[in-house]
N, C-alpha and C. Protein backbone atom coordinates (compact mmCIF):
# COMPACT_ATOMS: atom_id res chain seq x y z
N MET A 1 -3.33 11.29 26.40
CA MET A 1 -3.11 11.66 25.00
C MET A 1 -1.61 11.49 24.71
N ASN A 2 -1.32 10.85 23.61
CA ASN A 2 0.04 10.65 23.17
C ASN A 2 0.20 11.28 21.78
N LEU A 3 1.02 12.31 21.69
CA LEU A 3 1.32 12.96 20.42
C LEU A 3 2.70 12.50 19.98
N TYR A 4 2.87 12.29 18.69
CA TYR A 4 4.18 11.84 18.23
C TYR A 4 4.51 12.39 16.85
N ALA A 5 5.80 12.42 16.56
CA ALA A 5 6.31 12.78 15.24
C ALA A 5 7.48 11.85 14.96
N LYS A 6 7.62 11.44 13.72
CA LYS A 6 8.66 10.48 13.38
C LYS A 6 9.25 10.82 12.02
N PHE A 7 10.56 10.69 11.92
CA PHE A 7 11.27 10.78 10.65
C PHE A 7 12.10 9.52 10.51
N SER A 8 12.06 8.91 9.33
CA SER A 8 12.86 7.71 9.10
C SER A 8 13.33 7.68 7.66
N THR A 9 14.34 6.87 7.44
CA THR A 9 14.86 6.66 6.10
C THR A 9 14.88 5.17 5.82
N GLY A 10 14.87 4.82 4.55
CA GLY A 10 14.92 3.42 4.17
C GLY A 10 15.69 3.24 2.89
N TYR A 11 16.05 2.00 2.61
CA TYR A 11 16.90 1.69 1.48
C TYR A 11 16.55 0.29 1.00
N ARG A 12 16.40 0.12 -0.29
CA ARG A 12 16.24 -1.20 -0.91
C ARG A 12 17.34 -1.32 -1.94
N ALA A 13 18.16 -2.35 -1.81
CA ALA A 13 19.32 -2.53 -2.67
C ALA A 13 18.93 -2.64 -4.14
N GLY A 14 19.83 -2.25 -4.99
CA GLY A 14 19.68 -2.47 -6.43
C GLY A 14 20.11 -3.87 -6.78
N GLY A 15 20.20 -4.17 -8.05
CA GLY A 15 20.61 -5.51 -8.47
C GLY A 15 20.22 -5.78 -9.90
N ALA A 16 19.89 -7.04 -10.16
CA ALA A 16 19.39 -7.47 -11.46
C ALA A 16 18.30 -8.49 -11.20
N ASN A 17 17.22 -8.40 -11.96
CA ASN A 17 16.08 -9.29 -11.77
C ASN A 17 16.40 -10.66 -12.37
N ASP A 18 16.25 -11.74 -11.57
CA ASP A 18 16.58 -13.08 -12.07
C ASP A 18 15.54 -13.62 -13.05
N ARG A 19 14.42 -12.90 -13.24
CA ARG A 19 13.43 -13.29 -14.26
C ARG A 19 13.62 -12.52 -15.56
N SER A 20 14.68 -11.73 -15.61
CA SER A 20 14.95 -10.87 -16.75
C SER A 20 15.55 -11.65 -17.92
N GLN A 21 15.31 -11.16 -19.12
CA GLN A 21 16.00 -11.72 -20.30
C GLN A 21 17.38 -11.09 -20.46
N THR A 22 17.55 -9.86 -19.98
CA THR A 22 18.79 -9.12 -20.22
C THR A 22 19.66 -8.96 -18.97
N PHE A 23 19.11 -9.19 -17.81
CA PHE A 23 19.81 -9.00 -16.52
C PHE A 23 20.42 -7.60 -16.41
N GLN A 24 19.71 -6.62 -16.95
CA GLN A 24 20.17 -5.23 -16.85
C GLN A 24 20.07 -4.81 -15.39
N ALA A 25 21.12 -4.20 -14.88
CA ALA A 25 21.15 -3.77 -13.49
C ALA A 25 20.18 -2.62 -13.24
N PHE A 26 19.63 -2.57 -12.04
CA PHE A 26 18.82 -1.43 -11.61
C PHE A 26 19.42 -0.91 -10.31
N ASP A 27 19.18 0.38 -10.05
CA ASP A 27 19.80 1.05 -8.90
C ASP A 27 18.98 0.87 -7.63
N ALA A 28 19.57 1.27 -6.52
CA ALA A 28 18.92 1.21 -5.22
C ALA A 28 17.74 2.18 -5.16
N GLU A 29 16.82 1.90 -4.27
CA GLU A 29 15.67 2.76 -4.00
C GLU A 29 15.87 3.32 -2.59
N LYS A 30 15.63 4.62 -2.42
CA LYS A 30 15.78 5.25 -1.11
C LYS A 30 14.50 5.99 -0.76
N VAL A 31 14.19 6.03 0.53
CA VAL A 31 12.97 6.71 0.97
C VAL A 31 13.26 7.56 2.20
N LYS A 32 12.59 8.70 2.25
CA LYS A 32 12.54 9.54 3.45
C LYS A 32 11.07 9.61 3.83
N ALA A 33 10.78 9.28 5.09
CA ALA A 33 9.38 9.21 5.54
C ALA A 33 9.16 10.10 6.76
N TYR A 34 8.00 10.74 6.79
CA TYR A 34 7.62 11.64 7.86
C TYR A 34 6.23 11.23 8.34
N GLU A 35 6.02 11.26 9.66
CA GLU A 35 4.70 10.92 10.19
C GLU A 35 4.44 11.72 11.46
N VAL A 36 3.23 12.21 11.60
CA VAL A 36 2.77 12.86 12.83
C VAL A 36 1.43 12.23 13.19
N GLY A 37 1.17 12.15 14.49
CA GLY A 37 -0.10 11.55 14.88
C GLY A 37 -0.41 11.76 16.34
N ALA A 38 -1.56 11.22 16.71
CA ALA A 38 -2.03 11.29 18.10
C ALA A 38 -2.81 10.03 18.43
N LYS A 39 -2.63 9.57 19.65
CA LYS A 39 -3.39 8.44 20.19
C LYS A 39 -4.06 8.96 21.45
N MET A 40 -5.39 8.90 21.47
CA MET A 40 -6.13 9.55 22.55
C MET A 40 -7.20 8.63 23.11
N ASP A 41 -7.32 8.61 24.44
CA ASP A 41 -8.39 7.90 25.13
C ASP A 41 -9.24 8.92 25.88
N PHE A 42 -10.56 8.75 25.82
CA PHE A 42 -11.50 9.65 26.47
C PHE A 42 -12.53 8.84 27.25
N LEU A 43 -13.32 9.54 28.06
CA LEU A 43 -14.47 8.97 28.76
C LEU A 43 -14.09 7.69 29.53
N ASP A 44 -13.10 7.82 30.40
CA ASP A 44 -12.63 6.67 31.20
C ASP A 44 -12.24 5.49 30.32
N ASN A 45 -11.52 5.76 29.25
CA ASN A 45 -11.02 4.76 28.31
C ASN A 45 -12.12 4.00 27.56
N ARG A 46 -13.29 4.59 27.46
CA ARG A 46 -14.37 3.94 26.70
C ARG A 46 -14.40 4.43 25.25
N LEU A 47 -13.62 5.47 24.94
CA LEU A 47 -13.55 6.01 23.59
C LEU A 47 -12.08 6.22 23.24
N ARG A 48 -11.66 5.65 22.12
CA ARG A 48 -10.27 5.78 21.69
C ARG A 48 -10.26 6.35 20.27
N LEU A 49 -9.42 7.36 20.05
CA LEU A 49 -9.25 7.96 18.73
C LEU A 49 -7.75 7.98 18.41
N ASN A 50 -7.40 7.40 17.29
CA ASN A 50 -6.02 7.43 16.78
C ASN A 50 -6.05 8.09 15.41
N VAL A 51 -5.17 9.06 15.20
CA VAL A 51 -5.06 9.72 13.90
C VAL A 51 -3.59 9.83 13.52
N ALA A 52 -3.32 9.77 12.23
CA ALA A 52 -1.95 9.91 11.75
C ALA A 52 -1.96 10.46 10.34
N ALA A 53 -0.95 11.26 10.02
CA ALA A 53 -0.74 11.76 8.66
C ALA A 53 0.71 11.45 8.31
N TYR A 54 0.93 11.09 7.05
CA TYR A 54 2.29 10.70 6.67
C TYR A 54 2.61 11.15 5.26
N ALA A 55 3.92 11.22 5.01
CA ALA A 55 4.43 11.57 3.68
C ALA A 55 5.71 10.78 3.46
N MET A 56 5.87 10.26 2.25
CA MET A 56 7.09 9.55 1.88
C MET A 56 7.57 10.07 0.53
N ASP A 57 8.85 10.28 0.41
CA ASP A 57 9.47 10.67 -0.86
C ASP A 57 10.49 9.59 -1.20
N ARG A 58 10.27 8.91 -2.33
CA ARG A 58 11.17 7.83 -2.75
C ARG A 58 11.91 8.25 -4.01
N THR A 59 13.20 7.99 -4.03
CA THR A 59 13.99 8.19 -5.24
C THR A 59 14.44 6.83 -5.74
N GLY A 60 14.52 6.69 -7.05
CA GLY A 60 14.93 5.42 -7.64
C GLY A 60 13.89 4.32 -7.47
N THR A 61 12.62 4.68 -7.42
CA THR A 61 11.56 3.69 -7.20
C THR A 61 11.70 2.53 -8.19
N GLN A 62 11.79 1.32 -7.65
CA GLN A 62 11.96 0.12 -8.47
C GLN A 62 10.60 -0.34 -8.99
N ILE A 63 10.48 -0.40 -10.31
CA ILE A 63 9.23 -0.77 -10.98
C ILE A 63 9.46 -2.08 -11.74
N ASP A 64 8.59 -3.06 -11.52
CA ASP A 64 8.67 -4.33 -12.25
C ASP A 64 7.72 -4.29 -13.44
N PHE A 65 8.24 -4.62 -14.61
CA PHE A 65 7.45 -4.75 -15.83
C PHE A 65 7.38 -6.24 -16.17
N ASP A 66 6.18 -6.75 -16.37
CA ASP A 66 5.99 -8.16 -16.70
C ASP A 66 5.67 -8.33 -18.17
N ASN A 67 6.14 -9.42 -18.74
CA ASN A 67 5.87 -9.75 -20.12
C ASN A 67 5.62 -11.25 -20.24
N VAL A 68 4.53 -11.61 -20.89
CA VAL A 68 4.23 -13.02 -21.16
C VAL A 68 4.14 -13.17 -22.67
N ASP A 69 4.88 -14.12 -23.22
CA ASP A 69 4.86 -14.36 -24.66
C ASP A 69 3.54 -15.04 -25.01
N THR A 70 2.69 -14.35 -25.75
CA THR A 70 1.39 -14.89 -26.16
C THR A 70 1.34 -15.19 -27.66
N THR A 71 2.50 -15.20 -28.30
CA THR A 71 2.56 -15.44 -29.74
C THR A 71 2.25 -16.90 -30.04
N PRO A 72 1.14 -17.17 -30.77
CA PRO A 72 0.81 -18.56 -31.09
C PRO A 72 1.95 -19.23 -31.87
N GLY A 73 2.31 -20.43 -31.46
CA GLY A 73 3.35 -21.19 -32.15
C GLY A 73 4.77 -20.83 -31.76
N SER A 74 4.94 -19.79 -30.95
CA SER A 74 6.28 -19.38 -30.53
C SER A 74 6.87 -20.46 -29.61
N PRO A 75 8.17 -20.74 -29.74
CA PRO A 75 8.78 -21.73 -28.85
C PRO A 75 8.80 -21.28 -27.38
N THR A 76 8.62 -19.97 -27.16
CA THR A 76 8.58 -19.47 -25.78
C THR A 76 7.18 -19.04 -25.37
N GLN A 77 6.15 -19.50 -26.11
CA GLN A 77 4.77 -19.11 -25.79
C GLN A 77 4.47 -19.48 -24.34
N GLY A 78 3.91 -18.52 -23.60
CA GLY A 78 3.57 -18.72 -22.20
C GLY A 78 4.71 -18.39 -21.24
N ALA A 79 5.91 -18.15 -21.78
CA ALA A 79 7.05 -17.82 -20.92
C ALA A 79 6.86 -16.43 -20.31
N HIS A 80 7.24 -16.31 -19.04
CA HIS A 80 7.09 -15.05 -18.30
C HIS A 80 8.47 -14.47 -18.03
N THR A 81 8.66 -13.22 -18.41
CA THR A 81 9.88 -12.50 -18.05
C THR A 81 9.48 -11.24 -17.31
N GLU A 82 10.42 -10.73 -16.53
CA GLU A 82 10.14 -9.53 -15.73
C GLU A 82 11.39 -8.67 -15.72
N GLU A 83 11.20 -7.41 -16.03
CA GLU A 83 12.31 -6.46 -16.03
C GLU A 83 12.06 -5.41 -14.96
N THR A 84 13.09 -5.05 -14.22
CA THR A 84 12.98 -4.02 -13.18
C THR A 84 13.72 -2.78 -13.64
N ARG A 85 13.06 -1.64 -13.54
CA ARG A 85 13.66 -0.36 -13.91
C ARG A 85 13.41 0.64 -12.78
N ASN A 86 14.25 1.65 -12.70
CA ASN A 86 14.06 2.73 -11.73
C ASN A 86 13.26 3.85 -12.36
N ALA A 87 12.23 4.29 -11.66
CA ALA A 87 11.47 5.46 -12.12
C ALA A 87 12.34 6.69 -11.87
N PRO A 88 12.36 7.63 -12.82
CA PRO A 88 13.16 8.84 -12.61
C PRO A 88 12.47 9.77 -11.61
N GLY A 89 13.22 10.67 -11.04
CA GLY A 89 12.62 11.67 -10.16
C GLY A 89 12.21 11.10 -8.81
N VAL A 90 11.20 11.73 -8.22
CA VAL A 90 10.76 11.40 -6.87
C VAL A 90 9.33 10.88 -6.90
N SER A 91 9.12 9.71 -6.31
CA SER A 91 7.76 9.20 -6.10
C SER A 91 7.26 9.80 -4.79
N LYS A 92 6.00 10.24 -4.79
CA LYS A 92 5.44 10.88 -3.60
C LYS A 92 4.23 10.09 -3.11
N ILE A 93 4.26 9.76 -1.83
CA ILE A 93 3.15 9.05 -1.19
C ILE A 93 2.70 9.91 -0.02
N ARG A 94 1.41 10.21 0.01
CA ARG A 94 0.84 11.03 1.07
C ARG A 94 -0.40 10.32 1.60
N GLY A 95 -0.64 10.45 2.90
CA GLY A 95 -1.82 9.77 3.41
C GLY A 95 -2.23 10.23 4.79
N PHE A 96 -3.41 9.74 5.16
CA PHE A 96 -4.03 10.06 6.44
C PHE A 96 -4.80 8.83 6.89
N GLU A 97 -4.75 8.54 8.19
CA GLU A 97 -5.51 7.42 8.75
C GLU A 97 -6.18 7.85 10.04
N ALA A 98 -7.36 7.31 10.30
CA ALA A 98 -8.07 7.58 11.54
C ALA A 98 -8.80 6.30 11.99
N ASP A 99 -8.77 6.06 13.28
CA ASP A 99 -9.44 4.92 13.93
C ASP A 99 -10.26 5.43 15.09
N LEU A 100 -11.47 4.98 15.22
CA LEU A 100 -12.29 5.33 16.36
C LEU A 100 -12.89 4.05 16.93
N THR A 101 -12.70 3.82 18.23
CA THR A 101 -13.26 2.65 18.90
C THR A 101 -14.03 3.14 20.11
N ALA A 102 -15.24 2.60 20.28
CA ALA A 102 -16.08 3.02 21.40
C ALA A 102 -16.68 1.81 22.10
N GLN A 103 -16.55 1.79 23.43
CA GLN A 103 -17.24 0.78 24.24
C GLN A 103 -18.58 1.40 24.61
N VAL A 104 -19.60 1.06 23.82
CA VAL A 104 -20.91 1.67 23.96
C VAL A 104 -21.59 1.22 25.26
N THR A 105 -21.53 -0.07 25.52
CA THR A 105 -22.03 -0.65 26.78
C THR A 105 -21.01 -1.70 27.22
N ASP A 106 -21.26 -2.36 28.34
CA ASP A 106 -20.36 -3.43 28.76
C ASP A 106 -20.37 -4.58 27.77
N GLN A 107 -21.44 -4.70 26.99
CA GLN A 107 -21.56 -5.81 26.03
C GLN A 107 -21.19 -5.43 24.60
N ILE A 108 -21.19 -4.14 24.24
CA ILE A 108 -21.04 -3.73 22.84
C ILE A 108 -19.84 -2.81 22.65
N VAL A 109 -19.00 -3.19 21.68
CA VAL A 109 -17.88 -2.35 21.25
C VAL A 109 -18.03 -2.13 19.74
N VAL A 110 -17.90 -0.87 19.30
CA VAL A 110 -17.97 -0.57 17.87
C VAL A 110 -16.69 0.16 17.46
N GLY A 111 -16.34 0.00 16.20
CA GLY A 111 -15.16 0.67 15.70
C GLY A 111 -15.31 1.02 14.23
N VAL A 112 -14.68 2.11 13.84
CA VAL A 112 -14.64 2.52 12.43
C VAL A 112 -13.22 3.00 12.14
N SER A 113 -12.81 2.83 10.89
CA SER A 113 -11.50 3.35 10.48
C SER A 113 -11.59 3.83 9.04
N TYR A 114 -10.69 4.75 8.71
CA TYR A 114 -10.64 5.31 7.37
C TYR A 114 -9.18 5.57 7.03
N ALA A 115 -8.81 5.32 5.78
CA ALA A 115 -7.46 5.62 5.30
C ALA A 115 -7.54 6.25 3.91
N TYR A 116 -6.80 7.32 3.73
CA TYR A 116 -6.67 7.97 2.43
C TYR A 116 -5.20 7.88 2.03
N THR A 117 -4.94 7.43 0.80
CA THR A 117 -3.57 7.32 0.30
C THR A 117 -3.49 7.88 -1.11
N ASP A 118 -2.55 8.78 -1.34
CA ASP A 118 -2.31 9.35 -2.66
C ASP A 118 -0.89 8.98 -3.07
N VAL A 119 -0.76 8.26 -4.19
CA VAL A 119 0.55 7.81 -4.66
C VAL A 119 0.78 8.35 -6.07
N LYS A 120 1.93 8.99 -6.25
CA LYS A 120 2.31 9.48 -7.57
C LYS A 120 3.72 9.00 -7.87
N VAL A 121 3.84 8.17 -8.90
CA VAL A 121 5.13 7.63 -9.32
C VAL A 121 5.41 8.13 -10.73
N PRO A 122 6.59 8.72 -10.97
CA PRO A 122 6.91 9.18 -12.33
C PRO A 122 6.92 8.01 -13.32
N ALA A 123 6.62 8.30 -14.56
CA ALA A 123 6.66 7.28 -15.61
C ALA A 123 8.06 6.69 -15.69
N ALA A 124 8.11 5.37 -15.88
CA ALA A 124 9.39 4.65 -15.95
C ALA A 124 9.64 4.18 -17.37
N PRO A 125 10.90 4.03 -17.77
CA PRO A 125 11.21 3.62 -19.15
C PRO A 125 10.74 2.19 -19.45
N PHE A 126 9.98 2.04 -20.52
CA PHE A 126 9.45 0.73 -20.93
C PHE A 126 10.62 -0.14 -21.41
N PRO A 127 10.79 -1.35 -20.83
CA PRO A 127 12.01 -2.13 -21.10
C PRO A 127 11.95 -3.11 -22.27
N PHE A 128 10.77 -3.39 -22.81
CA PHE A 128 10.67 -4.47 -23.79
C PHE A 128 10.77 -3.97 -25.23
N THR A 129 11.34 -4.79 -26.10
CA THR A 129 11.43 -4.49 -27.53
C THR A 129 10.31 -5.24 -28.24
N GLY A 130 10.05 -4.87 -29.47
CA GLY A 130 9.08 -5.60 -30.29
C GLY A 130 7.63 -5.30 -29.97
N ASN A 131 7.35 -4.23 -29.25
CA ASN A 131 5.98 -3.87 -28.93
C ASN A 131 5.60 -2.68 -29.82
N ALA A 132 4.64 -2.88 -30.72
CA ALA A 132 4.26 -1.83 -31.67
C ALA A 132 3.60 -0.66 -30.96
N ASP A 133 2.92 -0.91 -29.83
CA ASP A 133 2.20 0.16 -29.13
C ASP A 133 3.11 1.03 -28.28
N VAL A 134 4.15 0.43 -27.69
CA VAL A 134 5.04 1.17 -26.80
C VAL A 134 6.49 0.83 -27.16
N PRO A 135 7.19 1.75 -27.81
CA PRO A 135 8.60 1.49 -28.14
C PRO A 135 9.47 1.42 -26.88
N GLN A 136 10.51 0.60 -26.94
CA GLN A 136 11.43 0.45 -25.81
C GLN A 136 11.98 1.80 -25.40
N GLY A 137 12.07 2.04 -24.08
CA GLY A 137 12.61 3.28 -23.54
C GLY A 137 11.60 4.39 -23.37
N THR A 138 10.40 4.22 -23.94
CA THR A 138 9.35 5.23 -23.81
C THR A 138 8.91 5.35 -22.35
N PRO A 139 8.78 6.57 -21.81
CA PRO A 139 8.26 6.70 -20.45
C PRO A 139 6.85 6.09 -20.37
N PHE A 140 6.67 5.17 -19.44
CA PHE A 140 5.43 4.41 -19.32
C PHE A 140 4.79 4.72 -17.98
N PRO A 141 3.49 5.08 -17.97
CA PRO A 141 2.83 5.42 -16.70
C PRO A 141 2.83 4.23 -15.75
N VAL A 142 3.05 4.52 -14.48
CA VAL A 142 3.09 3.49 -13.44
C VAL A 142 1.77 3.51 -12.70
N ASN A 143 1.08 2.38 -12.71
CA ASN A 143 -0.18 2.24 -11.97
C ASN A 143 0.10 1.48 -10.68
N VAL A 144 -0.34 2.04 -9.58
CA VAL A 144 -0.13 1.43 -8.27
C VAL A 144 -1.25 0.42 -8.02
N VAL A 145 -0.86 -0.78 -7.60
CA VAL A 145 -1.85 -1.82 -7.30
C VAL A 145 -1.86 -2.09 -5.80
N TYR A 146 -2.95 -2.60 -5.31
CA TYR A 146 -3.13 -2.99 -3.90
C TYR A 146 -3.13 -1.81 -2.93
N THR A 147 -3.22 -0.59 -3.41
CA THR A 147 -3.30 0.58 -2.54
C THR A 147 -4.41 1.49 -3.03
N PRO A 148 -5.65 1.25 -2.58
CA PRO A 148 -6.74 2.11 -3.03
C PRO A 148 -6.62 3.50 -2.41
N PRO A 149 -7.10 4.52 -3.10
CA PRO A 149 -7.02 5.87 -2.53
C PRO A 149 -7.87 6.02 -1.27
N ASN A 150 -8.98 5.31 -1.19
CA ASN A 150 -9.85 5.38 -0.02
C ASN A 150 -10.16 3.97 0.47
N ALA A 151 -10.02 3.77 1.77
CA ALA A 151 -10.36 2.48 2.37
C ALA A 151 -11.01 2.75 3.72
N ALA A 152 -12.00 1.96 4.05
CA ALA A 152 -12.71 2.14 5.32
C ALA A 152 -13.15 0.78 5.84
N SER A 153 -13.36 0.73 7.14
CA SER A 153 -13.90 -0.49 7.75
C SER A 153 -14.70 -0.10 8.98
N ALA A 154 -15.58 -1.00 9.36
CA ALA A 154 -16.39 -0.81 10.57
C ALA A 154 -16.68 -2.18 11.16
N TYR A 155 -16.85 -2.21 12.48
CA TYR A 155 -17.19 -3.48 13.12
C TYR A 155 -18.03 -3.22 14.37
N ILE A 156 -18.68 -4.28 14.79
CA ILE A 156 -19.39 -4.28 16.07
C ILE A 156 -19.17 -5.63 16.72
N ASP A 157 -18.81 -5.60 18.00
CA ASP A 157 -18.62 -6.80 18.80
C ASP A 157 -19.66 -6.81 19.90
N PHE A 158 -20.21 -7.99 20.15
CA PHE A 158 -21.20 -8.16 21.21
C PHE A 158 -20.79 -9.36 22.04
N LYS A 159 -20.85 -9.22 23.37
CA LYS A 159 -20.61 -10.37 24.24
C LYS A 159 -21.60 -10.32 25.40
N GLN A 160 -22.07 -11.50 25.77
CA GLN A 160 -23.07 -11.61 26.83
C GLN A 160 -22.83 -12.90 27.60
N PRO A 161 -22.62 -12.81 28.93
CA PRO A 161 -22.50 -14.04 29.71
C PRO A 161 -23.80 -14.85 29.64
N VAL A 162 -23.63 -16.16 29.47
CA VAL A 162 -24.76 -17.09 29.45
C VAL A 162 -24.37 -18.25 30.36
N GLY A 163 -24.80 -18.18 31.61
CA GLY A 163 -24.39 -19.20 32.57
C GLY A 163 -22.89 -19.15 32.78
N SER A 164 -22.22 -20.31 32.64
CA SER A 164 -20.77 -20.37 32.82
C SER A 164 -20.02 -20.08 31.52
N MET A 165 -20.74 -19.75 30.46
CA MET A 165 -20.13 -19.45 29.16
C MET A 165 -20.38 -18.00 28.78
N THR A 166 -19.75 -17.59 27.68
CA THR A 166 -19.97 -16.25 27.15
C THR A 166 -20.33 -16.37 25.67
N PHE A 167 -21.46 -15.79 25.30
CA PHE A 167 -21.85 -15.72 23.89
C PHE A 167 -21.16 -14.50 23.28
N LYS A 168 -20.49 -14.70 22.13
CA LYS A 168 -19.82 -13.60 21.44
C LYS A 168 -20.27 -13.56 19.99
N ALA A 169 -20.47 -12.35 19.47
CA ALA A 169 -20.81 -12.17 18.05
C ALA A 169 -19.97 -11.01 17.51
N HIS A 170 -19.58 -11.13 16.25
CA HIS A 170 -18.76 -10.12 15.59
C HIS A 170 -19.30 -9.89 14.19
N LEU A 171 -19.45 -8.65 13.80
CA LEU A 171 -19.88 -8.30 12.45
C LEU A 171 -18.96 -7.19 11.96
N ASP A 172 -18.44 -7.34 10.74
CA ASP A 172 -17.59 -6.28 10.20
C ASP A 172 -17.85 -6.08 8.72
N ALA A 173 -17.43 -4.94 8.23
CA ALA A 173 -17.55 -4.60 6.81
C ALA A 173 -16.33 -3.80 6.41
N ASN A 174 -15.90 -3.98 5.16
CA ASN A 174 -14.73 -3.29 4.65
C ASN A 174 -15.03 -2.69 3.28
N TYR A 175 -14.40 -1.58 3.00
CA TYR A 175 -14.55 -0.91 1.72
C TYR A 175 -13.16 -0.54 1.21
N ALA A 176 -12.92 -0.80 -0.05
CA ALA A 176 -11.69 -0.35 -0.70
C ALA A 176 -12.09 0.33 -1.99
N GLY A 177 -11.70 1.57 -2.15
CA GLY A 177 -12.05 2.33 -3.36
C GLY A 177 -11.41 1.75 -4.60
N ILE A 178 -11.93 2.12 -5.73
CA ILE A 178 -11.41 1.66 -7.01
C ILE A 178 -10.07 2.34 -7.28
N LEU A 179 -9.13 1.55 -7.74
CA LEU A 179 -7.79 2.08 -7.99
C LEU A 179 -7.76 2.95 -9.22
């Protein structure tokens, strides 16, 4: 059994987005991360369980806002600009992960995993002008993409010697919750 705890810090430099119309500077992003976990083998290494819980607190979270000119007849129709702004306050990311792998027989190995992630980012100031629905500078909710709150996977591997060769089969399935 291996138990561990980890603390780390990170930094992403500030700057100006080269896809911006205004090249307004944005500040650095900083993170403090905490993780605790365990890696365990049981039953003569035929069963493995890994678990971890983590928390991250980010300040100055850099948020990209995209804008595409869809105005018919506009000389910049189809042009894409992107503005980066810092979200105020602290973004909080919390999560838990678990993996279980079992060698059921000499020929069969099965595994399952699950991950839970909760992300909360403060609303960031909307950078674009000329939008009737959202005035410039209005706090705008930040939606996290590519990180579902729940994700799971499972697999089964089969191998069987056949003469001088080995037949192998693999089947897996994945689930990602709706964002």
